[in-house]
Amino acid sequence: MLVGYIRVSKSDGRQTLTPQRDALLAVGVEPDRIYDDLASGRHDDRPGLAACLKALQPGNTLVVWKLDRLGRNLKHLVTLVDTFTSRGVGLKVLAGAGAEIDTTTANGRLFFGIFAALAEFERELIAERTRAGLAAARARGRRGGRPRKMDRSTLMMAMTALADPQARAAEVARRLGMTTTTLYAYVNGDGTVKAAGKALLDGVGHPVAGWVP
């Protein structure tokens, strides 16, 4: 099944979707399977594209007039194509520099494979930067992850709340703006204090790594 997506940047009438729509209809896309947007490609909020991506099913082929109608930039385009690959969705581009892309042909699958390779390359770069950042943080005596949030008054509220047999730890943690793991680092499920909590109440620093006020 073919699914189409079309977009123009202006909604003031100076541009029209008609040429793109006609091009998609000419290659067999059904009128009710064409999604559209009147928005700049730089905007994240494109309801037509969101609906189009949601409608795509394994075995479908997404048809666009040009690549610049689909992606905000190269990174966004690579991410989309990687998603299509993982979902078993094809891509066909009708015009412009990407007109060779048509996963129903051998050459098109080759171009599609190049995009998949670029997506993998991007993921590896991100992973490498993350590892390097964590290593640098460890060298400065810091650990990765989000900072913990607990102070003396918050701890006392947690103890009082959990002392209620009807209280749920997850809900208490949510109300206090922390994870359940952080909550349990200081108190038990019945509201009694743990060693880390006792040290905090006694004013002996903040023994849980990564704590910030």
Protein backbone atom coordinates (compact mmCIF):
# COMPACT_ATOMS: atom_id res chain seq x y z
CA MET A 1 0.00 0.00 0.00
CA LEU A 2 1.20 3.50 -0.85
CA VAL A 3 0.88 6.33 1.69
CA GLY A 4 1.71 9.90 0.72
CA TYR A 5 2.95 12.98 2.52
CA ILE A 6 3.04 16.52 1.08
CA ARG A 7 4.00 19.89 2.59
CA VAL A 8 4.38 23.53 1.70
CA SER A 9 6.01 26.12 3.92
CA LYS A 10 3.41 28.89 3.70
CA SER A 11 -0.31 28.87 4.39
CA ASP A 12 -1.01 32.31 2.91
CA GLY A 13 -1.84 31.05 -0.57
CA ARG A 14 1.51 31.86 -2.21
CA GLN A 15 2.28 28.13 -2.32
CA THR A 16 -0.11 25.30 -3.02
CA LEU A 17 -0.17 21.59 -2.30
CA THR A 18 -1.80 20.80 -5.66
CA PRO A 19 1.36 20.01 -7.71
CA GLN A 20 2.64 17.61 -5.05
CA ARG A 21 -0.77 16.00 -4.61
CA ASP A 22 -1.11 15.51 -8.37
CA ALA A 23 2.34 13.91 -8.52
CA LEU A 24 1.43 11.43 -5.78
CA LEU A 25 -1.92 10.61 -7.36
CA ALA A 26 -0.15 9.95 -10.66
CA VAL A 27 1.94 7.15 -9.13
CA GLY A 28 -1.04 5.48 -7.53
CA VAL A 29 -1.42 6.96 -4.04
CA GLU A 30 -5.10 7.00 -3.07
CA PRO A 31 -6.47 10.49 -2.26
CA ASP A 32 -7.54 9.46 1.26
CA ARG A 33 -4.04 8.20 2.02
CA ILE A 34 -2.29 11.51 1.39
CA TYR A 35 -1.39 13.51 4.52
CA ASP A 36 -0.40 17.16 4.34
CA ASP A 37 0.98 20.06 6.34
CA LEU A 38 1.08 23.83 5.82
CA ALA A 39 4.14 24.54 7.93
CA SER A 40 7.82 25.22 7.79
CA GLY A 41 9.98 22.11 7.66
CA ARG A 42 11.92 23.50 10.63
CA HIS A 43 8.90 23.19 12.93
CA ASP A 44 8.54 20.14 15.14
CA ASP A 45 4.76 20.50 15.25
CA ARG A 46 3.55 18.95 11.99
CA PRO A 47 0.26 17.15 12.71
CA GLY A 48 -0.01 15.85 9.16
CA LEU A 49 3.36 14.13 9.37
CA ALA A 50 2.56 12.75 12.81
CA ALA A 51 -0.69 11.26 11.50
CA CYS A 52 1.09 9.88 8.46
CA LEU A 53 3.78 8.16 10.53
CA LYS A 54 1.12 6.70 12.81
CA ALA A 55 -0.81 5.32 9.83
CA LEU A 56 2.17 3.56 8.25
CA GLN A 57 2.14 -0.22 8.59
CA PRO A 58 4.79 -2.87 7.78
CA GLY A 59 4.84 -3.40 4.02
CA ASN A 60 3.63 0.13 3.24
CA THR A 61 5.66 2.55 1.13
CA LEU A 62 5.74 6.24 1.98
CA VAL A 63 5.73 8.44 -1.15
CA VAL A 64 6.99 12.03 -1.04
CA TRP A 65 7.62 14.54 -3.79
CA LYS A 66 11.08 15.60 -2.57
CA LEU A 67 13.18 14.72 0.46
CA ASP A 68 13.02 18.28 1.77
CA ARG A 69 9.25 17.89 2.12
CA LEU A 70 9.82 15.13 4.69
CA GLY A 71 12.74 15.90 7.00
CA ARG A 72 13.58 19.09 8.93
CA ASN A 73 17.27 18.49 8.31
CA LEU A 74 19.64 15.65 7.49
CA LYS A 75 19.67 14.32 11.05
CA HIS A 76 15.86 14.25 11.21
CA LEU A 77 15.71 12.60 7.80
CA VAL A 78 18.21 9.90 8.78
CA THR A 79 16.22 9.23 11.96
CA LEU A 80 12.98 8.89 10.00
CA VAL A 81 14.52 6.52 7.46
CA ASP A 82 16.01 4.43 10.27
CA THR A 83 12.53 4.20 11.80
CA PHE A 84 11.07 3.14 8.45
CA THR A 85 13.69 0.41 8.14
CA SER A 86 12.96 -0.99 11.60
CA ARG A 87 9.20 -0.94 10.92
CA GLY A 88 9.44 -2.55 7.49
CA VAL A 89 8.23 0.59 5.72
CA GLY A 90 9.59 1.63 2.31
CA LEU A 91 10.25 5.09 0.90
CA LYS A 92 9.78 6.45 -2.62
CA VAL A 93 10.94 9.94 -3.65
CA LEU A 94 9.53 11.30 -6.90
CA ALA A 95 11.76 14.30 -7.70
CA GLY A 96 14.84 16.24 -6.74
CA ALA A 97 18.19 14.92 -5.56
CA GLY A 98 16.59 11.94 -3.84
CA ALA A 99 14.60 10.72 -6.83
CA GLU A 100 16.75 7.58 -6.99
CA ILE A 101 15.28 6.41 -3.68
CA ASP A 102 12.65 3.77 -4.34
CA THR A 103 12.80 0.65 -2.21
CA THR A 104 10.87 -1.30 -4.83
CA THR A 105 14.06 -1.26 -6.96
CA ALA A 106 17.58 -2.53 -6.37
CA ASN A 107 19.14 0.93 -6.68
CA GLY A 108 16.52 2.35 -4.35
CA ARG A 109 17.28 -0.28 -1.72
CA LEU A 110 20.94 0.62 -2.02
CA PHE A 111 20.20 4.30 -1.26
CA PHE A 112 17.92 3.22 1.57
CA GLY A 113 20.77 1.12 2.95
CA ILE A 114 23.05 4.14 2.86
CA PHE A 115 20.58 6.07 5.01
CA ALA A 116 20.41 3.14 7.43
CA ALA A 117 24.23 3.17 7.63
CA LEU A 118 24.18 6.92 8.34
CA ALA A 119 21.67 6.34 11.13
CA GLU A 120 23.90 3.66 12.67
CA PHE A 121 26.87 6.01 12.34
CA GLU A 122 24.92 8.73 14.17
CA ARG A 123 24.00 6.33 16.98
CA GLU A 124 27.62 5.26 17.38
CA LEU A 125 28.76 8.89 17.55
CA ILE A 126 26.20 9.65 20.25
CA ALA A 127 27.22 6.56 22.23
CA GLU A 128 30.90 7.47 21.92
CA ARG A 129 30.26 11.04 23.10
CA THR A 130 28.20 9.74 26.02
CA ARG A 131 30.95 7.34 27.08
CA ALA A 132 33.54 10.10 26.80
CA GLY A 133 31.37 12.46 28.86
CA LEU A 134 30.83 9.88 31.60
CA ALA A 135 34.53 9.09 31.69
CA ALA A 136 35.36 12.79 32.06
CA ALA A 137 32.74 13.13 34.80
CA ARG A 138 34.17 10.14 36.69
CA ALA A 139 37.64 11.65 36.40
CA ARG A 140 36.27 14.74 38.15
CA GLY A 141 34.74 12.57 40.87
CA ARG A 142 31.15 12.67 39.58
CA ARG A 143 28.83 9.85 38.59
CA GLY A 144 26.42 9.77 35.68
CA GLY A 145 22.67 9.95 35.95
CA ARG A 146 20.20 12.49 37.28
CA PRO A 147 21.00 14.18 40.61
CA ARG A 148 19.19 12.92 43.66
CA LYS A 149 16.81 15.25 45.47
CA MET A 150 16.51 15.03 49.22
CA ASP A 151 16.90 17.43 52.10
CA ARG A 152 15.97 17.30 55.77
CA SER A 153 12.46 18.75 55.45
CA THR A 154 11.64 16.56 52.45
CA LEU A 155 12.86 13.51 54.31
CA MET A 156 10.59 14.29 57.26
CA MET A 157 7.61 14.67 54.92
CA ALA A 158 8.47 11.32 53.36
CA MET A 159 8.66 9.64 56.76
CA THR A 160 5.29 11.08 57.79
CA ALA A 161 3.61 10.11 54.51
CA LEU A 162 4.92 6.53 54.50
CA ALA A 163 3.89 6.00 58.11
CA ASP A 164 0.33 5.80 56.78
CA PRO A 165 -0.35 2.10 55.99
CA GLN A 166 -2.44 3.18 52.98
CA ALA A 167 0.39 5.20 51.43
CA ARG A 168 2.01 4.05 48.20
CA ALA A 169 5.73 4.71 47.89
CA ALA A 170 5.51 5.50 44.17
CA GLU A 171 2.87 8.15 44.77
CA VAL A 172 4.79 9.66 47.70
CA ALA A 173 7.94 9.83 45.57
CA ARG A 174 6.01 11.48 42.73
CA ARG A 175 4.57 14.14 45.04
CA LEU A 176 8.01 14.86 46.43
CA GLY A 177 9.53 15.15 42.94
CA MET A 178 11.90 12.19 43.11
CA THR A 179 12.18 8.58 42.01
CA THR A 180 11.10 5.67 44.20
CA THR A 181 14.72 4.51 44.23
CA THR A 182 15.82 7.81 45.75
CA LEU A 183 13.03 7.65 48.32
CA TYR A 184 13.99 4.13 49.39
CA ALA A 185 17.62 5.18 49.74
CA TYR A 186 16.58 7.16 52.81
CA VAL A 187 13.46 5.52 54.26
CA ASN A 188 11.81 2.13 54.51
CA GLY A 189 8.35 1.39 53.19
CA ASP A 190 6.80 1.95 56.63
CA GLY A 191 8.37 5.39 57.04
CA THR A 192 11.20 4.36 59.35
CA VAL A 193 14.50 5.97 58.52
CA LYS A 194 17.48 4.18 56.98
CA ALA A 195 21.14 4.88 57.72
CA ALA A 196 21.40 7.49 54.96
CA GLY A 197 18.29 9.21 56.25
CA LYS A 198 19.51 9.13 59.85
CA ALA A 199 22.80 10.69 58.78
CA LEU A 200 20.91 13.45 56.98
CA LEU A 201 18.68 14.11 60.00
CA ASP A 202 21.74 14.19 62.24
CA GLY A 203 23.42 16.69 59.92
CA VAL A 204 26.24 14.36 58.93
CA GLY A 205 26.45 15.37 55.26
CA HIS A 206 24.55 13.67 52.48
CA PRO A 207 25.85 10.11 52.09
CA VAL A 208 23.99 9.22 48.89
CA ALA A 209 26.17 9.82 45.85
CA GLY A 210 25.02 12.57 43.52
CA TRP A 211 22.77 14.29 46.09
CA VAL A 212 22.00 17.97 45.54
CA PRO A 213 19.72 20.23 47.57
